[in-house]
Amino acid sequence: MAPHILIIDDERQTIQSTQLLLEKNGYEVSSIDDPVKVSQIFVKLVSEEMKPIDLIILDLDMPGITGGKLFKNLRDWCFAREVPVVVYTAAHTRGKKELIKDAYSKGLFAVVPKACPDYLLIRIKQALGSKKGFLQLQLSTEKSQLEEKYLFEKGSPDDPDYLRYMELCFLEQGKTEQASAYKETRLRLELEKKKL
């Protein structure tokens, strides 16, 4: 089955050319041109109206919400926590060093200039090829961050972060059934919050 890539970009022409490039190379592609409406993708994924996403291509400068803020939101939403993200941007990244550095620390896979579509294909293949190792690193980093939070305060069963922490603890122990129970509860809570 072909990997499913989500393109988030406010420029319709960029979406069309990138989608054509990716489809010619055997990828299944979905796109959204209004970054503010990305939560609609979340609802489709949770309700299984959409195939799970294997990689996200994200523009950096968009109206309504910056790519940096959207990246942070994606990492907060369960459907995108473990998905490699490649920033594909025409924007000059000079002056955005801290934003990019912070994004890399939260799992950004690569930054690719829009003038380099062949390089985009290379980075996509690398991201998908190293996804298992990438996921292990992501999960380990995320668990460490959550561990710091819950080391000194008691978690609550209605706190998605706490449920994610418990899910990761059980996954680390190979107890997938218990991990799945925490994941289902977390997904339900996050979906309820999005509907509000």
N, C-alpha and C. Protein backbone atom coordinates (compact mmCIF):
# COMPACT_ATOMS: atom_id res chain seq x y z
N MET A 1 0.84 -1.17 0.00
CA MET A 1 0.00 0.00 0.00
C MET A 1 0.89 1.25 0.00
N ALA A 2 0.51 2.23 -0.79
CA ALA A 2 1.31 3.46 -0.92
C ALA A 2 1.25 4.30 0.35
N PRO A 3 2.39 4.87 0.75
CA PRO A 3 2.38 5.78 1.90
C PRO A 3 1.46 6.97 1.64
N HIS A 4 0.78 7.42 2.69
CA HIS A 4 -0.17 8.54 2.60
C HIS A 4 0.49 9.80 3.15
N ILE A 5 0.57 10.82 2.30
CA ILE A 5 1.22 12.08 2.67
C ILE A 5 0.18 13.19 2.70
N LEU A 6 0.20 13.99 3.76
CA LEU A 6 -0.68 15.15 3.89
C LEU A 6 0.14 16.41 3.62
N ILE A 7 -0.34 17.23 2.67
CA ILE A 7 0.29 18.53 2.38
C ILE A 7 -0.55 19.62 3.02
N ILE A 8 0.10 20.47 3.82
CA ILE A 8 -0.58 21.63 4.43
C ILE A 8 0.13 22.88 3.91
N ASP A 9 -0.56 23.59 3.03
CA ASP A 9 0.03 24.78 2.41
C ASP A 9 -1.10 25.70 1.98
N ASP A 10 -0.92 27.00 2.12
CA ASP A 10 -1.97 27.95 1.76
C ASP A 10 -1.97 28.27 0.27
N GLU A 11 -0.95 27.85 -0.46
CA GLU A 11 -0.86 28.15 -1.90
C GLU A 11 -1.35 26.95 -2.71
N ARG A 12 -2.47 27.13 -3.37
CA ARG A 12 -3.10 26.06 -4.17
C ARG A 12 -2.15 25.55 -5.25
N GLN A 13 -1.43 26.44 -5.90
CA GLN A 13 -0.52 26.05 -6.98
C GLN A 13 0.60 25.14 -6.43
N THR A 14 1.11 25.46 -5.27
CA THR A 14 2.15 24.63 -4.65
C THR A 14 1.59 23.26 -4.31
N ILE A 15 0.38 23.23 -3.78
CA ILE A 15 -0.25 21.94 -3.45
C ILE A 15 -0.37 21.10 -4.71
N GLN A 16 -0.86 21.70 -5.80
CA GLN A 16 -1.07 20.95 -7.03
C GLN A 16 0.24 20.41 -7.60
N SER A 17 1.28 21.24 -7.64
CA SER A 17 2.55 20.77 -8.21
C SER A 17 3.20 19.71 -7.32
N THR A 18 3.11 19.90 -6.00
CA THR A 18 3.69 18.92 -5.08
C THR A 18 2.90 17.62 -5.13
N GLN A 19 1.59 17.72 -5.19
CA GLN A 19 0.75 16.52 -5.26
C GLN A 19 1.06 15.74 -6.53
N LEU A 20 1.20 16.42 -7.66
CA LEU A 20 1.54 15.77 -8.92
C LEU A 20 2.88 15.05 -8.82
N LEU A 21 3.88 15.73 -8.27
CA LEU A 21 5.20 15.14 -8.08
C LEU A 21 5.14 13.88 -7.22
N LEU A 22 4.40 13.97 -6.11
CA LEU A 22 4.33 12.83 -5.19
C LEU A 22 3.54 11.67 -5.78
N GLU A 23 2.43 11.96 -6.45
CA GLU A 23 1.64 10.89 -7.06
C GLU A 23 2.41 10.19 -8.17
N LYS A 24 3.21 10.94 -8.94
CA LYS A 24 4.06 10.35 -9.99
C LYS A 24 5.09 9.40 -9.37
N ASN A 25 5.41 9.63 -8.11
CA ASN A 25 6.40 8.79 -7.43
C ASN A 25 5.76 7.74 -6.52
N GLY A 26 4.46 7.51 -6.72
CA GLY A 26 3.79 6.39 -6.05
C GLY A 26 3.19 6.66 -4.68
N TYR A 27 3.06 7.93 -4.30
CA TYR A 27 2.49 8.25 -2.99
C TYR A 27 1.00 8.59 -3.12
N GLU A 28 0.26 8.29 -2.08
CA GLU A 28 -1.13 8.73 -1.98
C GLU A 28 -1.09 10.09 -1.27
N VAL A 29 -1.85 11.07 -1.78
CA VAL A 29 -1.73 12.42 -1.26
C VAL A 29 -3.09 13.00 -0.89
N SER A 30 -3.14 13.64 0.28
CA SER A 30 -4.27 14.47 0.69
C SER A 30 -3.70 15.86 0.94
N SER A 31 -4.56 16.87 0.87
CA SER A 31 -4.05 18.22 1.09
C SER A 31 -5.12 19.08 1.74
N ILE A 32 -4.62 20.16 2.34
CA ILE A 32 -5.51 21.18 2.90
C ILE A 32 -4.84 22.52 2.68
N ASP A 33 -5.63 23.48 2.14
CA ASP A 33 -5.05 24.79 1.82
C ASP A 33 -5.42 25.87 2.84
N ASP A 34 -6.12 25.49 3.88
CA ASP A 34 -6.45 26.43 4.95
C ASP A 34 -5.92 25.85 6.24
N PRO A 35 -4.75 26.29 6.69
CA PRO A 35 -4.13 25.68 7.85
C PRO A 35 -4.97 25.77 9.13
N VAL A 36 -5.88 26.73 9.18
CA VAL A 36 -6.73 26.88 10.36
C VAL A 36 -7.71 25.69 10.46
N LYS A 37 -7.98 25.03 9.34
CA LYS A 37 -8.95 23.93 9.32
C LYS A 37 -8.31 22.54 9.45
N VAL A 38 -7.08 22.48 9.86
CA VAL A 38 -6.38 21.19 9.99
C VAL A 38 -7.10 20.27 10.97
N SER A 39 -7.78 20.83 11.95
CA SER A 39 -8.49 19.99 12.93
C SER A 39 -9.56 19.14 12.26
N GLN A 40 -10.05 19.56 11.08
CA GLN A 40 -11.02 18.74 10.34
C GLN A 40 -10.39 17.41 9.93
N ILE A 41 -9.11 17.44 9.61
CA ILE A 41 -8.38 16.21 9.27
C ILE A 41 -8.38 15.29 10.48
N PHE A 42 -8.15 15.88 11.65
CA PHE A 42 -8.14 15.12 12.91
C PHE A 42 -9.45 14.35 13.07
N VAL A 43 -10.58 15.02 12.85
CA VAL A 43 -11.89 14.38 12.98
C VAL A 43 -12.04 13.24 11.97
N LYS A 44 -11.60 13.46 10.73
CA LYS A 44 -11.69 12.41 9.70
C LYS A 44 -10.84 11.20 10.06
N LEU A 45 -9.65 11.45 10.61
CA LEU A 45 -8.77 10.34 10.98
C LEU A 45 -9.34 9.54 12.14
N VAL A 46 -9.84 10.23 13.16
CA VAL A 46 -10.39 9.55 14.32
C VAL A 46 -11.62 8.74 13.93
N SER A 47 -12.45 9.29 13.04
CA SER A 47 -13.66 8.58 12.62
C SER A 47 -13.36 7.58 11.49
N GLU A 48 -12.09 7.45 11.14
CA GLU A 48 -11.61 6.52 10.12
C GLU A 48 -12.19 6.78 8.73
N GLU A 49 -12.54 8.05 8.46
CA GLU A 49 -12.97 8.45 7.12
C GLU A 49 -11.76 8.65 6.21
N MET A 50 -10.58 8.70 6.82
CA MET A 50 -9.35 8.94 6.08
C MET A 50 -8.30 7.92 6.49
N LYS A 51 -7.52 7.50 5.50
CA LYS A 51 -6.41 6.58 5.75
C LYS A 51 -5.39 7.27 6.66
N PRO A 52 -4.77 6.53 7.59
CA PRO A 52 -3.75 7.15 8.46
C PRO A 52 -2.65 7.83 7.65
N ILE A 53 -2.11 8.89 8.21
CA ILE A 53 -1.09 9.69 7.53
C ILE A 53 0.30 9.16 7.90
N ASP A 54 1.15 8.99 6.89
CA ASP A 54 2.50 8.49 7.11
C ASP A 54 3.53 9.62 7.19
N LEU A 55 3.21 10.78 6.60
CA LEU A 55 4.15 11.90 6.59
C LEU A 55 3.37 13.18 6.32
N ILE A 56 3.81 14.29 6.92
CA ILE A 56 3.18 15.59 6.70
C ILE A 56 4.20 16.54 6.09
N ILE A 57 3.77 17.23 5.03
CA ILE A 57 4.57 18.30 4.42
C ILE A 57 3.90 19.60 4.82
N LEU A 58 4.66 20.49 5.45
CA LEU A 58 4.10 21.69 6.06
C LEU A 58 4.82 22.94 5.58
N ASP A 59 4.06 23.93 5.13
CA ASP A 59 4.64 25.23 4.77
C ASP A 59 4.93 25.99 6.07
N LEU A 60 5.89 26.89 6.02
CA LEU A 60 6.27 27.63 7.23
C LEU A 60 5.48 28.92 7.40
N ASP A 61 5.31 29.68 6.32
CA ASP A 61 4.61 30.97 6.41
C ASP A 61 3.24 30.87 5.75
N MET A 62 2.19 30.92 6.58
CA MET A 62 0.82 30.85 6.09
C MET A 62 -0.04 31.84 6.86
N PRO A 63 -1.10 32.34 6.22
CA PRO A 63 -1.98 33.27 6.94
C PRO A 63 -2.83 32.54 7.97
N GLY A 64 -3.17 33.22 9.03
CA GLY A 64 -4.05 32.64 10.04
C GLY A 64 -3.31 31.92 11.14
N ILE A 65 -2.29 31.17 10.77
CA ILE A 65 -1.48 30.44 11.76
C ILE A 65 -0.12 30.18 11.13
N THR A 66 0.92 30.38 11.89
CA THR A 66 2.26 30.14 11.35
C THR A 66 2.54 28.64 11.31
N GLY A 67 3.47 28.26 10.45
CA GLY A 67 3.86 26.86 10.38
C GLY A 67 4.42 26.37 11.71
N GLY A 68 5.12 27.26 12.43
CA GLY A 68 5.66 26.89 13.74
C GLY A 68 4.57 26.58 14.74
N LYS A 69 3.55 27.42 14.78
CA LYS A 69 2.42 27.19 15.69
C LYS A 69 1.65 25.94 15.28
N LEU A 70 1.45 25.76 13.98
CA LEU A 70 0.75 24.58 13.50
C LEU A 70 1.54 23.31 13.80
N PHE A 71 2.86 23.38 13.66
CA PHE A 71 3.70 22.23 14.00
C PHE A 71 3.51 21.85 15.47
N LYS A 72 3.50 22.86 16.35
CA LYS A 72 3.28 22.61 17.77
C LYS A 72 1.92 21.96 17.99
N ASN A 73 0.88 22.47 17.31
CA ASN A 73 -0.45 21.87 17.42
C ASN A 73 -0.45 20.43 16.95
N LEU A 74 0.24 20.17 15.83
CA LEU A 74 0.29 18.80 15.31
C LEU A 74 0.92 17.85 16.33
N ARG A 75 1.96 18.32 17.00
CA ARG A 75 2.61 17.48 18.01
C ARG A 75 1.72 17.28 19.23
N ASP A 76 0.81 18.22 19.47
CA ASP A 76 -0.12 18.08 20.59
C ASP A 76 -1.26 17.12 20.26
N TRP A 77 -1.62 17.02 18.98
CA TRP A 77 -2.73 16.15 18.58
C TRP A 77 -2.22 14.74 18.40
N CYS A 78 -2.94 13.80 18.91
CA CYS A 78 -2.48 12.41 18.91
C CYS A 78 -2.27 11.86 17.51
N PHE A 79 -3.06 12.27 16.51
CA PHE A 79 -2.92 11.66 15.20
C PHE A 79 -1.60 12.03 14.53
N ALA A 80 -0.96 13.09 14.99
CA ALA A 80 0.25 13.54 14.31
C ALA A 80 1.49 13.47 15.18
N ARG A 81 1.37 13.00 16.40
CA ARG A 81 2.53 12.96 17.29
C ARG A 81 3.66 12.11 16.74
N GLU A 82 3.30 11.03 16.11
CA GLU A 82 4.31 10.07 15.67
C GLU A 82 4.56 10.13 14.17
N VAL A 83 4.05 11.16 13.52
CA VAL A 83 4.18 11.28 12.07
C VAL A 83 5.35 12.21 11.73
N PRO A 84 6.28 11.76 10.90
CA PRO A 84 7.38 12.65 10.49
C PRO A 84 6.83 13.88 9.76
N VAL A 85 7.42 15.04 10.04
CA VAL A 85 7.01 16.29 9.40
C VAL A 85 8.21 16.87 8.66
N VAL A 86 7.97 17.25 7.41
CA VAL A 86 8.97 17.92 6.60
C VAL A 86 8.43 19.31 6.30
N VAL A 87 9.17 20.34 6.69
CA VAL A 87 8.79 21.71 6.35
C VAL A 87 9.28 21.96 4.93
N TYR A 88 8.36 22.36 4.06
CA TYR A 88 8.64 22.64 2.65
C TYR A 88 8.24 24.08 2.43
N THR A 89 9.22 24.96 2.34
CA THR A 89 8.91 26.38 2.39
C THR A 89 9.70 27.22 1.41
N ALA A 90 9.05 28.27 0.93
CA ALA A 90 9.74 29.27 0.10
C ALA A 90 10.31 30.36 0.99
N ALA A 91 9.80 30.41 2.21
CA ALA A 91 10.24 31.44 3.15
C ALA A 91 11.70 31.23 3.54
N HIS A 92 12.39 32.31 3.67
CA HIS A 92 13.78 32.23 4.12
C HIS A 92 13.74 31.93 5.61
N THR A 93 14.52 30.98 6.04
CA THR A 93 14.49 30.57 7.45
C THR A 93 15.41 31.44 8.32
N ARG A 94 16.14 32.38 7.72
CA ARG A 94 16.98 33.27 8.51
C ARG A 94 16.09 34.06 9.46
N GLY A 95 16.50 34.17 10.70
CA GLY A 95 15.70 34.85 11.70
C GLY A 95 14.70 33.93 12.38
N LYS A 96 14.65 32.69 11.91
CA LYS A 96 13.72 31.71 12.50
C LYS A 96 14.50 30.55 13.12
N LYS A 97 15.75 30.83 13.47
CA LYS A 97 16.64 29.79 13.99
C LYS A 97 16.06 29.10 15.23
N GLU A 98 15.55 29.89 16.18
CA GLU A 98 14.99 29.30 17.41
C GLU A 98 13.76 28.46 17.12
N LEU A 99 12.90 28.96 16.21
CA LEU A 99 11.70 28.22 15.82
C LEU A 99 12.09 26.87 15.22
N ILE A 100 13.02 26.89 14.30
CA ILE A 100 13.46 25.65 13.64
C ILE A 100 14.14 24.73 14.65
N LYS A 101 15.01 25.28 15.48
CA LYS A 101 15.71 24.49 16.50
C LYS A 101 14.71 23.81 17.44
N ASP A 102 13.72 24.57 17.89
CA ASP A 102 12.68 24.02 18.77
C ASP A 102 11.89 22.93 18.05
N ALA A 103 11.57 23.17 16.78
CA ALA A 103 10.82 22.17 16.00
C ALA A 103 11.64 20.88 15.84
N TYR A 104 12.93 21.01 15.58
CA TYR A 104 13.77 19.82 15.48
C TYR A 104 13.78 19.04 16.80
N SER A 105 13.79 19.76 17.91
CA SER A 105 13.80 19.08 19.21
C SER A 105 12.48 18.37 19.49
N LYS A 106 11.43 18.78 18.79
CA LYS A 106 10.12 18.14 18.96
C LYS A 106 9.81 17.17 17.83
N GLY A 107 10.81 16.88 17.00
CA GLY A 107 10.63 15.83 16.01
C GLY A 107 10.50 16.25 14.56
N LEU A 108 10.80 17.51 14.24
CA LEU A 108 10.80 17.91 12.84
C LEU A 108 11.86 17.08 12.12
N PHE A 109 11.51 16.51 10.98
CA PHE A 109 12.46 15.65 10.27
C PHE A 109 13.41 16.47 9.39
N ALA A 110 12.88 17.45 8.65
CA ALA A 110 13.73 18.21 7.73
C ALA A 110 13.07 19.51 7.32
N VAL A 111 13.90 20.44 6.84
CA VAL A 111 13.43 21.67 6.21
C VAL A 111 13.96 21.64 4.78
N VAL A 112 13.04 21.79 3.81
CA VAL A 112 13.42 21.71 2.40
C VAL A 112 12.90 22.95 1.69
N PRO A 113 13.78 23.65 0.92
CA PRO A 113 13.32 24.80 0.14
C PRO A 113 12.41 24.36 -1.00
N LYS A 114 11.37 25.13 -1.28
CA LYS A 114 10.43 24.78 -2.35
C LYS A 114 11.10 24.74 -3.72
N ALA A 115 12.23 25.38 -3.85
CA ALA A 115 12.95 25.38 -5.12
C ALA A 115 13.65 24.04 -5.39
N CYS A 116 13.55 23.10 -4.44
CA CYS A 116 14.27 21.82 -4.55
C CYS A 116 13.34 20.61 -4.45
N PRO A 117 12.44 20.40 -5.43
CA PRO A 117 11.50 19.28 -5.34
C PRO A 117 12.18 17.91 -5.32
N ASP A 118 13.33 17.78 -6.02
CA ASP A 118 14.03 16.49 -6.01
C ASP A 118 14.56 16.18 -4.61
N TYR A 119 15.02 17.22 -3.92
CA TYR A 119 15.50 17.05 -2.54
C TYR A 119 14.34 16.68 -1.62
N LEU A 120 13.16 17.23 -1.90
CA LEU A 120 11.98 16.87 -1.12
C LEU A 120 11.73 15.37 -1.22
N LEU A 121 11.81 14.82 -2.43
CA LEU A 121 11.60 13.38 -2.60
C LEU A 121 12.63 12.56 -1.81
N ILE A 122 13.87 13.02 -1.82
CA ILE A 122 14.92 12.33 -1.08
C ILE A 122 14.60 12.33 0.42
N ARG A 123 14.22 13.49 0.94
CA ARG A 123 13.94 13.60 2.38
C ARG A 123 12.68 12.80 2.77
N ILE A 124 11.70 12.74 1.88
CA ILE A 124 10.50 11.92 2.14
C ILE A 124 10.90 10.45 2.25
N LYS A 125 11.70 9.98 1.31
CA LYS A 125 12.15 8.58 1.34
C LYS A 125 12.93 8.30 2.62
N GLN A 126 13.79 9.23 3.00
CA GLN A 126 14.56 9.05 4.23
C GLN A 126 13.65 9.02 5.45
N ALA A 127 12.69 9.92 5.49
CA ALA A 127 11.77 9.98 6.63
C ALA A 127 10.95 8.70 6.74
N LEU A 128 10.43 8.24 5.63
CA LEU A 128 9.61 7.02 5.65
C LEU A 128 10.48 5.79 5.91
N GLY A 129 11.71 5.80 5.38
CA GLY A 129 12.62 4.67 5.59
C GLY A 129 13.12 4.54 7.01
N SER A 130 13.24 5.67 7.67
CA SER A 130 13.75 5.64 9.05
C SER A 130 12.63 5.83 10.06
N LYS A 131 11.40 5.64 9.61
CA LYS A 131 10.24 5.94 10.46
C LYS A 131 10.26 5.15 11.77
N LYS A 132 10.63 3.88 11.72
CA LYS A 132 10.62 3.08 12.94
C LYS A 132 11.61 3.63 13.97
N GLY A 133 12.83 3.91 13.53
CA GLY A 133 13.83 4.49 14.43
C GLY A 133 13.42 5.88 14.87
N PHE A 134 12.86 6.63 13.94
CA PHE A 134 12.38 7.98 14.25
C PHE A 134 11.29 7.90 15.32
N LEU A 135 10.37 6.95 15.14
CA LEU A 135 9.28 6.80 16.10
C LEU A 135 9.80 6.44 17.48
N GLN A 136 10.78 5.54 17.54
CA GLN A 136 11.33 5.15 18.83
C GLN A 136 11.95 6.36 19.53
N LEU A 137 12.69 7.16 18.76
CA LEU A 137 13.29 8.38 19.32
C LEU A 137 12.21 9.35 19.78
N GLN A 138 11.18 9.55 18.93
CA GLN A 138 10.07 10.44 19.28
C GLN A 138 9.39 9.98 20.56
N LEU A 139 9.07 8.69 20.62
CA LEU A 139 8.36 8.17 21.79
C LEU A 139 9.20 8.30 23.05
N SER A 140 10.48 8.02 22.93
CA SER A 140 11.37 8.13 24.07
C SER A 140 11.47 9.58 24.56
N THR A 141 11.61 10.51 23.61
CA THR A 141 11.69 11.93 23.96
C THR A 141 10.39 12.40 24.60
N GLU A 142 9.28 12.02 23.98
CA GLU A 142 7.97 12.43 24.51
C GLU A 142 7.74 11.86 25.90
N LYS A 143 8.10 10.59 26.10
CA LYS A 143 7.91 9.97 27.40
C LYS A 143 8.76 10.68 28.46
N SER A 144 9.98 11.03 28.10
CA SER A 144 10.85 11.75 29.05
C SER A 144 10.26 13.10 29.44
N GLN A 145 9.72 13.82 28.46
CA GLN A 145 9.12 15.12 28.76
C GLN A 145 7.90 14.97 29.67
N LEU A 146 7.07 13.98 29.37
CA LEU A 146 5.88 13.75 30.20
C LEU A 146 6.26 13.22 31.58
N GLU A 147 7.32 12.42 31.62
CA GLU A 147 7.78 11.86 32.89
C GLU A 147 8.17 12.98 33.85
N GLU A 148 8.83 14.00 33.33
CA GLU A 148 9.21 15.15 34.17
C GLU A 148 7.97 15.79 34.78
N LYS A 149 6.92 15.91 33.99
CA LYS A 149 5.69 16.53 34.46
C LYS A 149 5.01 15.68 35.54
N TYR A 150 4.90 14.38 35.31
CA TYR A 150 4.13 13.52 36.22
C TYR A 150 4.96 12.90 37.33
N LEU A 151 6.24 13.22 37.36
CA LEU A 151 7.09 12.76 38.43
C LEU A 151 6.70 13.45 39.74
N PHE A 152 6.26 14.71 39.63
CA PHE A 152 5.96 15.50 40.83
C PHE A 152 4.49 15.85 41.00
N GLU A 153 3.67 15.51 40.05
CA GLU A 153 2.25 15.79 40.22
C GLU A 153 1.44 14.57 39.78
N LYS A 154 0.32 14.38 40.42
CA LYS A 154 -0.53 13.24 40.12
C LYS A 154 -1.29 13.50 38.82
N GLY A 155 -1.34 12.49 37.98
CA GLY A 155 -2.07 12.60 36.72
C GLY A 155 -3.56 12.40 36.93
N SER A 156 -4.32 12.85 35.97
CA SER A 156 -5.77 12.74 36.03
C SER A 156 -6.26 11.93 34.83
N PRO A 157 -7.26 11.07 35.03
CA PRO A 157 -7.77 10.27 33.91
C PRO A 157 -8.49 11.08 32.83
N ASP A 158 -8.69 12.38 33.07
CA ASP A 158 -9.27 13.21 32.02
C ASP A 158 -8.24 14.18 31.42
N ASP A 159 -6.96 13.91 31.66
CA ASP A 159 -5.86 14.71 31.11
C ASP A 159 -5.21 13.91 29.96
N PRO A 160 -5.39 14.36 28.70
CA PRO A 160 -4.82 13.63 27.57
C PRO A 160 -3.31 13.39 27.68
N ASP A 161 -2.58 14.36 28.24
CA ASP A 161 -1.13 14.17 28.40
C ASP A 161 -0.82 13.01 29.35
N TYR A 162 -1.57 12.93 30.43
CA TYR A 162 -1.37 11.84 31.39
C TYR A 162 -1.72 10.50 30.73
N LEU A 163 -2.81 10.47 29.97
CA LEU A 163 -3.19 9.24 29.28
C LEU A 163 -2.12 8.84 28.27
N ARG A 164 -1.54 9.82 27.58
CA ARG A 164 -0.46 9.54 26.63
C ARG A 164 0.76 8.99 27.37
N TYR A 165 1.07 9.58 28.50
CA TYR A 165 2.20 9.10 29.30
C TYR A 165 2.00 7.63 29.70
N MET A 166 0.81 7.30 30.18
CA MET A 166 0.53 5.92 30.57
C MET A 166 0.59 4.99 29.35
N GLU A 167 0.08 5.46 28.23
CA GLU A 167 0.14 4.68 26.99
C GLU A 167 1.59 4.36 26.63
N LEU A 168 2.45 5.37 26.72
CA LEU A 168 3.87 5.17 26.39
C LEU A 168 4.56 4.23 27.37
N CYS A 169 4.20 4.33 28.64
CA CYS A 169 4.78 3.43 29.65
C CYS A 169 4.43 1.97 29.34
N PHE A 170 3.17 1.73 29.00
CA PHE A 170 2.76 0.36 28.68
C PHE A 170 3.36 -0.11 27.36
N LEU A 171 3.47 0.77 26.38
CA LEU A 171 4.11 0.39 25.12
C LEU A 171 5.55 -0.02 25.34
N GLU A 172 6.24 0.75 26.19
CA GLU A 172 7.65 0.46 26.48
C GLU A 172 7.80 -0.93 27.11
N GLN A 173 6.80 -1.35 27.87
CA GLN A 173 6.82 -2.66 28.52
C GLN A 173 6.29 -3.78 27.61
N GLY A 174 5.83 -3.39 26.40
CA GLY A 174 5.29 -4.38 25.48
C GLY A 174 3.86 -4.79 25.80
N LYS A 175 3.19 -4.02 26.62
CA LYS A 175 1.80 -4.33 27.01
C LYS A 175 0.86 -3.51 26.12
N THR A 176 0.68 -4.00 24.90
CA THR A 176 -0.07 -3.24 23.91
C THR A 176 -1.56 -3.14 24.22
N GLU A 177 -2.12 -4.13 24.87
CA GLU A 177 -3.55 -4.09 25.19
C GLU A 177 -3.86 -2.94 26.16
N GLN A 178 -3.05 -2.83 27.21
CA GLN A 178 -3.24 -1.73 28.16
C GLN A 178 -2.96 -0.37 27.50
N ALA A 179 -1.91 -0.33 26.67
CA ALA A 179 -1.58 0.91 25.96
C ALA A 179 -2.73 1.34 25.06
N SER A 180 -3.34 0.37 24.38
CA SER A 180 -4.47 0.67 23.49
C SER A 180 -5.66 1.23 24.26
N ALA A 181 -5.89 0.72 25.46
CA ALA A 181 -7.01 1.22 26.27
C ALA A 181 -6.79 2.70 26.62
N TYR A 182 -5.57 3.06 27.00
CA TYR A 182 -5.27 4.46 27.30
C TYR A 182 -5.38 5.32 26.04
N LYS A 183 -4.92 4.78 24.91
CA LYS A 183 -4.99 5.53 23.64
C LYS A 183 -6.44 5.80 23.26
N GLU A 184 -7.30 4.79 23.35
CA GLU A 184 -8.71 4.97 22.99
C GLU A 184 -9.37 6.04 23.86
N THR A 185 -9.08 6.02 25.15
CA THR A 185 -9.65 7.02 26.05
C THR A 185 -9.15 8.41 25.68
N ARG A 186 -7.86 8.51 25.39
CA ARG A 186 -7.26 9.79 25.02
C ARG A 186 -7.87 10.32 23.72
N LEU A 187 -8.01 9.45 22.73
CA LEU A 187 -8.60 9.86 21.46
C LEU A 187 -10.02 10.38 21.65
N ARG A 188 -10.79 9.68 22.46
CA ARG A 188 -12.17 10.08 22.73
C ARG A 188 -12.19 11.47 23.39
N LEU A 189 -11.33 11.67 24.39
CA LEU A 189 -11.27 12.97 25.08
C LEU A 189 -10.84 14.09 24.13
N GLU A 190 -9.85 13.83 23.31
CA GLU A 190 -9.38 14.86 22.39
C GLU A 190 -10.43 15.18 21.35
N LEU A 191 -11.17 14.18 20.88
CA LEU A 191 -12.24 14.42 19.93
C LEU A 191 -13.35 15.24 20.56
N GLU A 192 -13.69 14.94 21.81
CA GLU A 192 -14.71 15.71 22.53
C GLU A 192 -14.29 17.16 22.69
N LYS A 193 -13.01 17.40 22.99
CA LYS A 193 -12.51 18.76 23.15
C LYS A 193 -12.57 19.53 21.82
N LYS A 194 -12.28 18.84 20.71
CA LYS A 194 -12.31 19.50 19.39
C LYS A 194 -13.73 19.89 19.01
N LYS A 195 -14.72 19.11 19.44
CA LYS A 195 -16.11 19.41 19.11
C LYS A 195 -16.63 20.59 19.90
N LEU A 196 -16.00 20.88 21.04
CA LEU A 196 -16.45 22.02 21.87
C LEU A 196 -16.01 23.26 21.23
